């Protein structure tokens, strides 16, 4: 399967992934602040903090996808596994934030965890979508 992924397409798929992940994370923030009693001064939940971390970390995910696409025999399956493990590990620090400062409550930590999933989901759906990254025209999964 190596070679099925056109890494040149990442020049537009990568930024699309970053924008989609940021929109998903910000949507979670809007809903969370509308429904929960969260501190707007809790640094991980500020707009700037969320946009910065989402952009940088999803950007790293896009670069990792490019590396996996070039080196793995089954790049999409391999990347999905790596990304799932990364998602699970990314949830751990949120637990340790609880009680570490003003606004660091369990609801805030859970919102951060939901935001991790909100960034992960469009990243998976976009980067591993063969219609967007496959190098062959007319790709059919039945082939």
N, C-alpha and C. Protein backbone atom coordinates (compact mmCIF):
# COMPACT_ATOMS: atom_id res chain seq x y z
N UNK A 1 0.81 -1.20 0.00
CA UNK A 1 0.00 0.00 0.00
C UNK A 1 0.85 1.25 0.00
N UNK A 2 2.14 1.14 0.30
CA UNK A 2 2.98 2.32 0.31
C UNK A 2 2.92 2.98 -1.05
N UNK A 3 2.84 4.29 -1.08
CA UNK A 3 2.73 4.99 -2.35
C UNK A 3 1.30 5.37 -2.69
N UNK A 4 0.32 4.80 -1.97
CA UNK A 4 -1.07 5.16 -2.23
C UNK A 4 -1.39 6.56 -1.71
N UNK A 5 -0.63 7.04 -0.75
CA UNK A 5 -0.87 8.34 -0.16
C UNK A 5 -0.04 9.38 -0.91
N UNK A 6 -0.68 10.42 -1.38
CA UNK A 6 0.00 11.52 -2.08
C UNK A 6 0.29 12.59 -1.05
N UNK A 7 1.51 12.60 -0.51
CA UNK A 7 1.85 13.55 0.55
C UNK A 7 1.82 14.99 0.05
N UNK A 8 1.87 15.21 -1.25
CA UNK A 8 1.76 16.57 -1.77
C UNK A 8 0.39 17.16 -1.47
N UNK A 9 -0.60 16.32 -1.35
CA UNK A 9 -1.95 16.80 -1.02
C UNK A 9 -2.02 17.37 0.39
N UNK A 10 -1.03 17.05 1.21
CA UNK A 10 -1.02 17.57 2.58
C UNK A 10 -0.83 19.09 2.61
N UNK A 11 -0.39 19.68 1.51
CA UNK A 11 -0.26 21.14 1.46
C UNK A 11 -1.61 21.81 1.61
N UNK A 12 -2.70 21.15 1.21
CA UNK A 12 -4.03 21.73 1.45
C UNK A 12 -4.82 20.91 2.47
N UNK A 13 -4.60 19.62 2.54
CA UNK A 13 -5.31 18.79 3.51
C UNK A 13 -4.82 19.10 4.93
N UNK A 14 -3.53 19.38 5.09
CA UNK A 14 -2.98 19.70 6.40
C UNK A 14 -3.62 20.95 7.01
N UNK A 15 -3.61 22.09 6.30
CA UNK A 15 -4.28 23.27 6.85
C UNK A 15 -5.77 23.07 7.07
N UNK A 16 -6.43 22.33 6.19
CA UNK A 16 -7.85 22.02 6.38
C UNK A 16 -8.05 21.26 7.69
N UNK A 17 -7.17 20.32 7.97
CA UNK A 17 -7.25 19.55 9.21
C UNK A 17 -7.08 20.45 10.43
N UNK A 18 -6.12 21.35 10.37
CA UNK A 18 -5.86 22.26 11.49
C UNK A 18 -7.05 23.19 11.72
N UNK A 19 -7.61 23.72 10.66
CA UNK A 19 -8.78 24.61 10.79
C UNK A 19 -9.97 23.84 11.35
N UNK A 20 -10.23 22.66 10.83
CA UNK A 20 -11.36 21.86 11.31
C UNK A 20 -11.21 21.49 12.78
N UNK A 21 -10.00 21.12 13.18
CA UNK A 21 -9.76 20.78 14.58
C UNK A 21 -9.97 22.00 15.48
N UNK A 22 -9.48 23.15 15.06
CA UNK A 22 -9.67 24.38 15.84
C UNK A 22 -11.15 24.73 15.96
N UNK A 23 -11.89 24.61 14.88
CA UNK A 23 -13.33 24.90 14.93
C UNK A 23 -14.05 23.94 15.88
N UNK A 24 -13.68 22.68 15.86
CA UNK A 24 -14.30 21.69 16.74
C UNK A 24 -13.99 22.00 18.20
N UNK A 25 -12.75 22.34 18.50
CA UNK A 25 -12.34 22.65 19.87
C UNK A 25 -13.05 23.92 20.35
N UNK A 26 -13.10 24.93 19.51
CA UNK A 26 -13.76 26.18 19.91
C UNK A 26 -15.27 25.97 20.09
N UNK A 27 -15.86 25.09 19.30
CA UNK A 27 -17.29 24.78 19.48
C UNK A 27 -17.52 24.12 20.84
N UNK A 28 -16.63 23.22 21.23
CA UNK A 28 -16.74 22.60 22.55
C UNK A 28 -16.62 23.66 23.63
N UNK A 29 -15.70 24.60 23.46
CA UNK A 29 -15.52 25.66 24.44
C UNK A 29 -16.79 26.49 24.59
N UNK A 30 -17.39 26.87 23.49
CA UNK A 30 -18.61 27.69 23.53
C UNK A 30 -19.71 26.95 24.28
N UNK A 31 -19.92 25.70 23.94
CA UNK A 31 -20.97 24.91 24.61
C UNK A 31 -20.64 24.72 26.09
N UNK A 32 -19.39 24.44 26.39
CA UNK A 32 -18.98 24.19 27.78
C UNK A 32 -19.20 25.44 28.64
N UNK A 33 -18.82 26.59 28.13
CA UNK A 33 -18.97 27.81 28.92
C UNK A 33 -20.44 28.24 29.02
N UNK A 34 -21.25 27.83 28.06
CA UNK A 34 -22.68 28.15 28.11
C UNK A 34 -23.43 27.25 29.09
N UNK A 35 -22.89 26.08 29.36
CA UNK A 35 -23.62 25.11 30.18
C UNK A 35 -22.98 24.81 31.54
N UNK A 36 -21.70 25.11 31.69
CA UNK A 36 -20.99 24.78 32.93
C UNK A 36 -20.44 26.04 33.59
N UNK A 37 -20.15 25.93 34.86
CA UNK A 37 -19.56 27.04 35.60
C UNK A 37 -18.04 26.89 35.55
N UNK A 38 -17.43 27.43 34.48
CA UNK A 38 -15.99 27.32 34.28
C UNK A 38 -15.34 28.69 34.40
N UNK A 39 -14.10 28.71 34.87
CA UNK A 39 -13.36 29.97 34.99
C UNK A 39 -12.78 30.36 33.63
N UNK A 40 -13.15 31.54 33.12
CA UNK A 40 -12.59 31.98 31.84
C UNK A 40 -11.10 32.32 31.94
N UNK A 41 -10.57 32.38 33.15
CA UNK A 41 -9.17 32.70 33.34
C UNK A 41 -8.29 31.46 33.48
N UNK A 42 -8.89 30.29 33.46
CA UNK A 42 -8.11 29.05 33.50
C UNK A 42 -7.33 28.97 32.19
N UNK A 43 -6.00 29.11 32.23
CA UNK A 43 -5.21 29.25 31.00
C UNK A 43 -5.48 28.21 29.90
N UNK A 44 -5.62 26.93 30.23
CA UNK A 44 -5.86 25.98 29.14
C UNK A 44 -7.19 26.18 28.40
N UNK A 45 -8.12 26.94 29.00
CA UNK A 45 -9.42 27.14 28.35
C UNK A 45 -9.58 28.51 27.71
N UNK A 46 -8.52 29.30 27.66
CA UNK A 46 -8.61 30.59 26.99
C UNK A 46 -8.59 30.37 25.48
N UNK A 47 -9.17 31.30 24.73
CA UNK A 47 -9.19 31.16 23.27
C UNK A 47 -7.77 31.06 22.71
N UNK A 48 -6.88 31.92 23.19
CA UNK A 48 -5.51 31.92 22.69
C UNK A 48 -4.82 30.59 23.01
N UNK A 49 -4.96 30.14 24.24
CA UNK A 49 -4.34 28.87 24.63
C UNK A 49 -4.85 27.71 23.80
N UNK A 50 -6.15 27.66 23.61
CA UNK A 50 -6.74 26.57 22.83
C UNK A 50 -6.28 26.61 21.37
N UNK A 51 -6.32 27.79 20.78
CA UNK A 51 -5.93 27.92 19.37
C UNK A 51 -4.46 27.57 19.19
N UNK A 52 -3.62 28.04 20.10
CA UNK A 52 -2.19 27.78 19.99
C UNK A 52 -1.88 26.29 20.12
N UNK A 53 -2.38 25.68 21.18
CA UNK A 53 -2.09 24.26 21.39
C UNK A 53 -2.71 23.38 20.31
N UNK A 54 -3.93 23.69 19.90
CA UNK A 54 -4.57 22.89 18.85
C UNK A 54 -3.79 23.00 17.55
N UNK A 55 -3.42 24.20 17.17
CA UNK A 55 -2.68 24.40 15.93
C UNK A 55 -1.34 23.68 15.95
N UNK A 56 -0.60 23.84 17.02
CA UNK A 56 0.73 23.23 17.11
C UNK A 56 0.63 21.70 17.15
N UNK A 57 -0.25 21.18 18.00
CA UNK A 57 -0.30 19.72 18.17
C UNK A 57 -0.93 19.01 16.98
N UNK A 58 -1.97 19.59 16.39
CA UNK A 58 -2.54 18.98 15.18
C UNK A 58 -1.55 19.13 14.02
N UNK A 59 -0.83 20.25 13.99
CA UNK A 59 0.23 20.41 12.98
C UNK A 59 1.28 19.32 13.07
N UNK A 60 1.68 18.99 14.30
CA UNK A 60 2.61 17.89 14.51
C UNK A 60 1.99 16.57 14.03
N UNK A 61 0.69 16.41 14.28
CA UNK A 61 0.00 15.22 13.80
C UNK A 61 0.00 15.12 12.28
N UNK A 62 -0.14 16.24 11.60
CA UNK A 62 -0.10 16.26 10.13
C UNK A 62 1.30 15.87 9.64
N UNK A 63 2.33 16.43 10.28
CA UNK A 63 3.70 16.08 9.91
C UNK A 63 3.98 14.60 10.17
N UNK A 64 3.48 14.09 11.28
CA UNK A 64 3.63 12.67 11.57
C UNK A 64 2.93 11.82 10.51
N UNK A 65 1.76 12.26 10.08
CA UNK A 65 1.05 11.53 9.03
C UNK A 65 1.89 11.47 7.76
N UNK A 66 2.56 12.57 7.42
CA UNK A 66 3.41 12.59 6.22
C UNK A 66 4.54 11.57 6.35
N UNK A 67 5.13 11.48 7.53
CA UNK A 67 6.21 10.52 7.76
C UNK A 67 5.68 9.09 7.67
N UNK A 68 4.56 8.84 8.33
CA UNK A 68 3.96 7.50 8.29
C UNK A 68 3.57 7.13 6.86
N UNK A 69 3.02 8.09 6.11
CA UNK A 69 2.59 7.83 4.73
C UNK A 69 3.77 7.42 3.86
N UNK A 70 4.93 7.96 4.14
CA UNK A 70 6.11 7.63 3.34
C UNK A 70 6.78 6.33 3.76
N UNK A 71 6.62 5.94 5.02
CA UNK A 71 7.41 4.81 5.52
C UNK A 71 6.62 3.54 5.82
N UNK A 72 5.35 3.66 6.12
CA UNK A 72 4.59 2.48 6.55
C UNK A 72 4.02 1.72 5.36
N UNK A 73 3.92 0.42 5.51
CA UNK A 73 3.30 -0.40 4.47
C UNK A 73 1.79 -0.17 4.41
N UNK A 74 1.19 0.04 5.58
CA UNK A 74 -0.24 0.34 5.65
C UNK A 74 -0.37 1.68 6.40
N UNK A 75 -0.16 2.79 5.70
CA UNK A 75 -0.04 4.09 6.38
C UNK A 75 -1.30 4.54 7.12
N UNK A 76 -2.46 4.32 6.55
CA UNK A 76 -3.67 4.80 7.21
C UNK A 76 -3.93 4.01 8.49
N UNK A 77 -3.84 2.70 8.42
CA UNK A 77 -4.05 1.88 9.61
C UNK A 77 -2.99 2.20 10.68
N UNK A 78 -1.74 2.33 10.25
CA UNK A 78 -0.65 2.64 11.19
C UNK A 78 -0.88 3.99 11.85
N UNK A 79 -1.25 5.00 11.06
CA UNK A 79 -1.47 6.33 11.62
C UNK A 79 -2.65 6.33 12.59
N UNK A 80 -3.71 5.63 12.25
CA UNK A 80 -4.87 5.57 13.15
C UNK A 80 -4.48 4.99 14.50
N UNK A 81 -3.66 3.97 14.48
CA UNK A 81 -3.21 3.35 15.75
C UNK A 81 -2.34 4.31 16.55
N UNK A 82 -1.40 4.96 15.88
CA UNK A 82 -0.53 5.91 16.56
C UNK A 82 -1.35 7.05 17.15
N UNK A 83 -2.30 7.56 16.37
CA UNK A 83 -3.11 8.69 16.82
C UNK A 83 -4.01 8.31 17.99
N UNK A 84 -4.52 7.10 18.00
CA UNK A 84 -5.35 6.66 19.12
C UNK A 84 -4.52 6.57 20.40
N UNK A 85 -3.33 6.03 20.30
CA UNK A 85 -2.45 5.96 21.47
C UNK A 85 -2.09 7.37 21.94
N UNK A 86 -1.79 8.25 21.00
CA UNK A 86 -1.46 9.64 21.36
C UNK A 86 -2.65 10.32 22.05
N UNK A 87 -3.85 10.08 21.56
CA UNK A 87 -5.05 10.64 22.19
C UNK A 87 -5.17 10.15 23.63
N UNK A 88 -5.02 8.87 23.84
CA UNK A 88 -5.14 8.31 25.19
C UNK A 88 -4.09 8.90 26.13
N UNK A 89 -2.86 9.03 25.66
CA UNK A 89 -1.81 9.63 26.49
C UNK A 89 -2.07 11.11 26.74
N UNK A 90 -2.70 11.80 25.79
CA UNK A 90 -2.94 13.23 25.95
C UNK A 90 -3.97 13.53 27.04
N UNK A 91 -4.76 12.55 27.40
CA UNK A 91 -5.78 12.75 28.44
C UNK A 91 -5.19 12.73 29.84
N UNK A 92 -4.06 12.06 30.02
CA UNK A 92 -3.47 11.89 31.34
C UNK A 92 -3.12 13.23 32.01
N UNK A 93 -2.44 14.16 31.34
CA UNK A 93 -2.10 15.42 32.02
C UNK A 93 -3.32 16.21 32.49
N UNK A 94 -4.43 16.07 31.81
CA UNK A 94 -5.64 16.80 32.21
C UNK A 94 -6.10 16.39 33.61
N UNK A 95 -5.93 15.13 33.94
CA UNK A 95 -6.30 14.64 35.27
C UNK A 95 -5.43 15.32 36.33
N UNK A 96 -4.15 15.49 36.03
CA UNK A 96 -3.23 16.08 37.00
C UNK A 96 -3.38 17.60 37.13
N UNK A 97 -4.14 18.21 36.24
CA UNK A 97 -4.40 19.65 36.36
C UNK A 97 -5.37 19.97 37.49
N UNK A 98 -6.22 19.01 37.83
CA UNK A 98 -7.26 19.24 38.84
C UNK A 98 -6.62 19.66 40.16
N UNK A 99 -7.06 20.82 40.65
CA UNK A 99 -6.56 21.33 41.92
C UNK A 99 -5.22 22.05 41.83
N UNK A 100 -4.69 22.21 40.63
CA UNK A 100 -3.36 22.81 40.49
C UNK A 100 -3.39 24.34 40.49
N UNK A 101 -4.57 24.92 40.46
CA UNK A 101 -4.65 26.38 40.45
C UNK A 101 -6.09 26.83 40.30
N UNK A 102 -6.29 28.14 40.23
CA UNK A 102 -7.65 28.66 40.09
C UNK A 102 -8.31 28.15 38.80
N UNK A 103 -9.51 27.67 38.95
CA UNK A 103 -10.27 27.18 37.80
C UNK A 103 -9.96 25.76 37.39
N UNK A 104 -8.97 25.14 38.03
CA UNK A 104 -8.57 23.78 37.67
C UNK A 104 -9.45 22.77 38.40
N UNK A 105 -10.67 22.64 37.91
CA UNK A 105 -11.66 21.76 38.52
C UNK A 105 -11.86 20.51 37.67
N UNK A 106 -12.59 19.55 38.22
CA UNK A 106 -12.90 18.34 37.43
C UNK A 106 -13.71 18.68 36.18
N UNK A 107 -14.72 19.56 36.26
CA UNK A 107 -15.42 19.90 35.02
C UNK A 107 -14.49 20.50 33.96
N UNK A 108 -13.56 21.34 34.38
CA UNK A 108 -12.61 21.93 33.43
C UNK A 108 -11.72 20.85 32.81
N UNK A 109 -11.27 19.91 33.63
CA UNK A 109 -10.43 18.82 33.11
C UNK A 109 -11.21 17.95 32.13
N UNK A 110 -12.46 17.67 32.44
CA UNK A 110 -13.28 16.86 31.54
C UNK A 110 -13.53 17.59 30.23
N UNK A 111 -13.76 18.90 30.31
CA UNK A 111 -13.93 19.70 29.09
C UNK A 111 -12.66 19.63 28.25
N UNK A 112 -11.50 19.72 28.88
CA UNK A 112 -10.24 19.60 28.14
C UNK A 112 -10.13 18.23 27.46
N UNK A 113 -10.55 17.18 28.16
CA UNK A 113 -10.52 15.85 27.56
C UNK A 113 -11.45 15.75 26.35
N UNK A 114 -12.62 16.34 26.48
CA UNK A 114 -13.56 16.36 25.35
C UNK A 114 -12.95 17.13 24.19
N UNK A 115 -12.23 18.19 24.50
CA UNK A 115 -11.57 18.98 23.45
C UNK A 115 -10.48 18.17 22.74
N UNK A 116 -9.78 17.32 23.48
CA UNK A 116 -8.78 16.46 22.85
C UNK A 116 -9.46 15.56 21.82
N UNK A 117 -10.58 14.99 22.21
CA UNK A 117 -11.33 14.13 21.28
C UNK A 117 -11.87 14.96 20.11
N UNK A 118 -12.31 16.18 20.41
CA UNK A 118 -12.84 17.06 19.37
C UNK A 118 -11.77 17.42 18.34
N UNK A 119 -10.53 17.52 18.75
CA UNK A 119 -9.44 17.79 17.80
C UNK A 119 -9.01 16.52 17.08
N UNK A 120 -9.04 15.41 17.80
CA UNK A 120 -8.62 14.13 17.23
C UNK A 120 -9.58 13.66 16.14
N UNK A 121 -10.86 13.84 16.36
CA UNK A 121 -11.85 13.30 15.42
C UNK A 121 -11.73 13.88 14.01
N UNK A 122 -11.74 15.20 13.82
CA UNK A 122 -11.57 15.69 12.45
C UNK A 122 -10.20 15.37 11.88
N UNK A 123 -9.20 15.27 12.74
CA UNK A 123 -7.86 14.90 12.27
C UNK A 123 -7.91 13.51 11.66
N UNK A 124 -8.56 12.58 12.35
CA UNK A 124 -8.69 11.22 11.82
C UNK A 124 -9.54 11.20 10.55
N UNK A 125 -10.68 11.89 10.59
CA UNK A 125 -11.60 11.85 9.45
C UNK A 125 -11.00 12.47 8.20
N UNK A 126 -10.21 13.50 8.36
CA UNK A 126 -9.64 14.18 7.20
C UNK A 126 -8.36 13.50 6.72
N UNK A 127 -7.40 13.31 7.61
CA UNK A 127 -6.12 12.76 7.17
C UNK A 127 -6.20 11.33 6.68
N UNK A 128 -7.11 10.55 7.22
CA UNK A 128 -7.19 9.15 6.81
C UNK A 128 -8.31 8.91 5.80
N UNK A 129 -8.82 9.97 5.21
CA UNK A 129 -9.85 9.87 4.19
C UNK A 129 -9.19 9.64 2.84
N UNK A 130 -9.32 8.44 2.33
CA UNK A 130 -8.66 8.10 1.06
C UNK A 130 -9.08 9.02 -0.09
N UNK A 131 -10.29 9.53 -0.07
CA UNK A 131 -10.73 10.43 -1.14
C UNK A 131 -9.89 11.71 -1.15
N UNK A 132 -9.34 12.08 -0.01
CA UNK A 132 -8.54 13.30 0.08
C UNK A 132 -7.05 13.06 -0.10
N UNK A 133 -6.56 11.90 0.33
CA UNK A 133 -5.11 11.70 0.33
C UNK A 133 -4.61 10.60 -0.61
N UNK A 134 -5.49 9.85 -1.23
CA UNK A 134 -5.05 8.78 -2.12
C UNK A 134 -4.49 9.37 -3.41
N UNK A 135 -3.45 8.76 -3.91
CA UNK A 135 -2.79 9.27 -5.11
C UNK A 135 -3.46 8.79 -6.40
N UNK A 136 -4.29 7.79 -6.29
CA UNK A 136 -4.95 7.25 -7.49
C UNK A 136 -6.32 7.88 -7.67
N UNK A 137 -6.68 8.16 -8.90
CA UNK A 137 -8.02 8.68 -9.19
C UNK A 137 -9.00 7.53 -9.17
N UNK A 138 -10.22 7.83 -8.75
CA UNK A 138 -11.26 6.82 -8.77
C UNK A 138 -11.00 5.69 -7.78
N UNK A 139 -10.37 5.99 -6.67
CA UNK A 139 -10.09 4.96 -5.68
C UNK A 139 -11.38 4.28 -5.24
N UNK A 140 -11.34 2.98 -5.19
CA UNK A 140 -12.46 2.21 -4.67
C UNK A 140 -11.93 1.29 -3.58
N UNK A 141 -12.51 1.35 -2.37
CA UNK A 141 -11.99 0.51 -1.30
C UNK A 141 -12.10 -0.99 -1.58
N UNK A 142 -12.88 -1.37 -2.57
CA UNK A 142 -13.07 -2.80 -2.89
C UNK A 142 -11.92 -3.35 -3.71
N UNK A 143 -11.09 -2.49 -4.25
CA UNK A 143 -9.97 -2.97 -5.09
C UNK A 143 -8.98 -3.72 -4.30
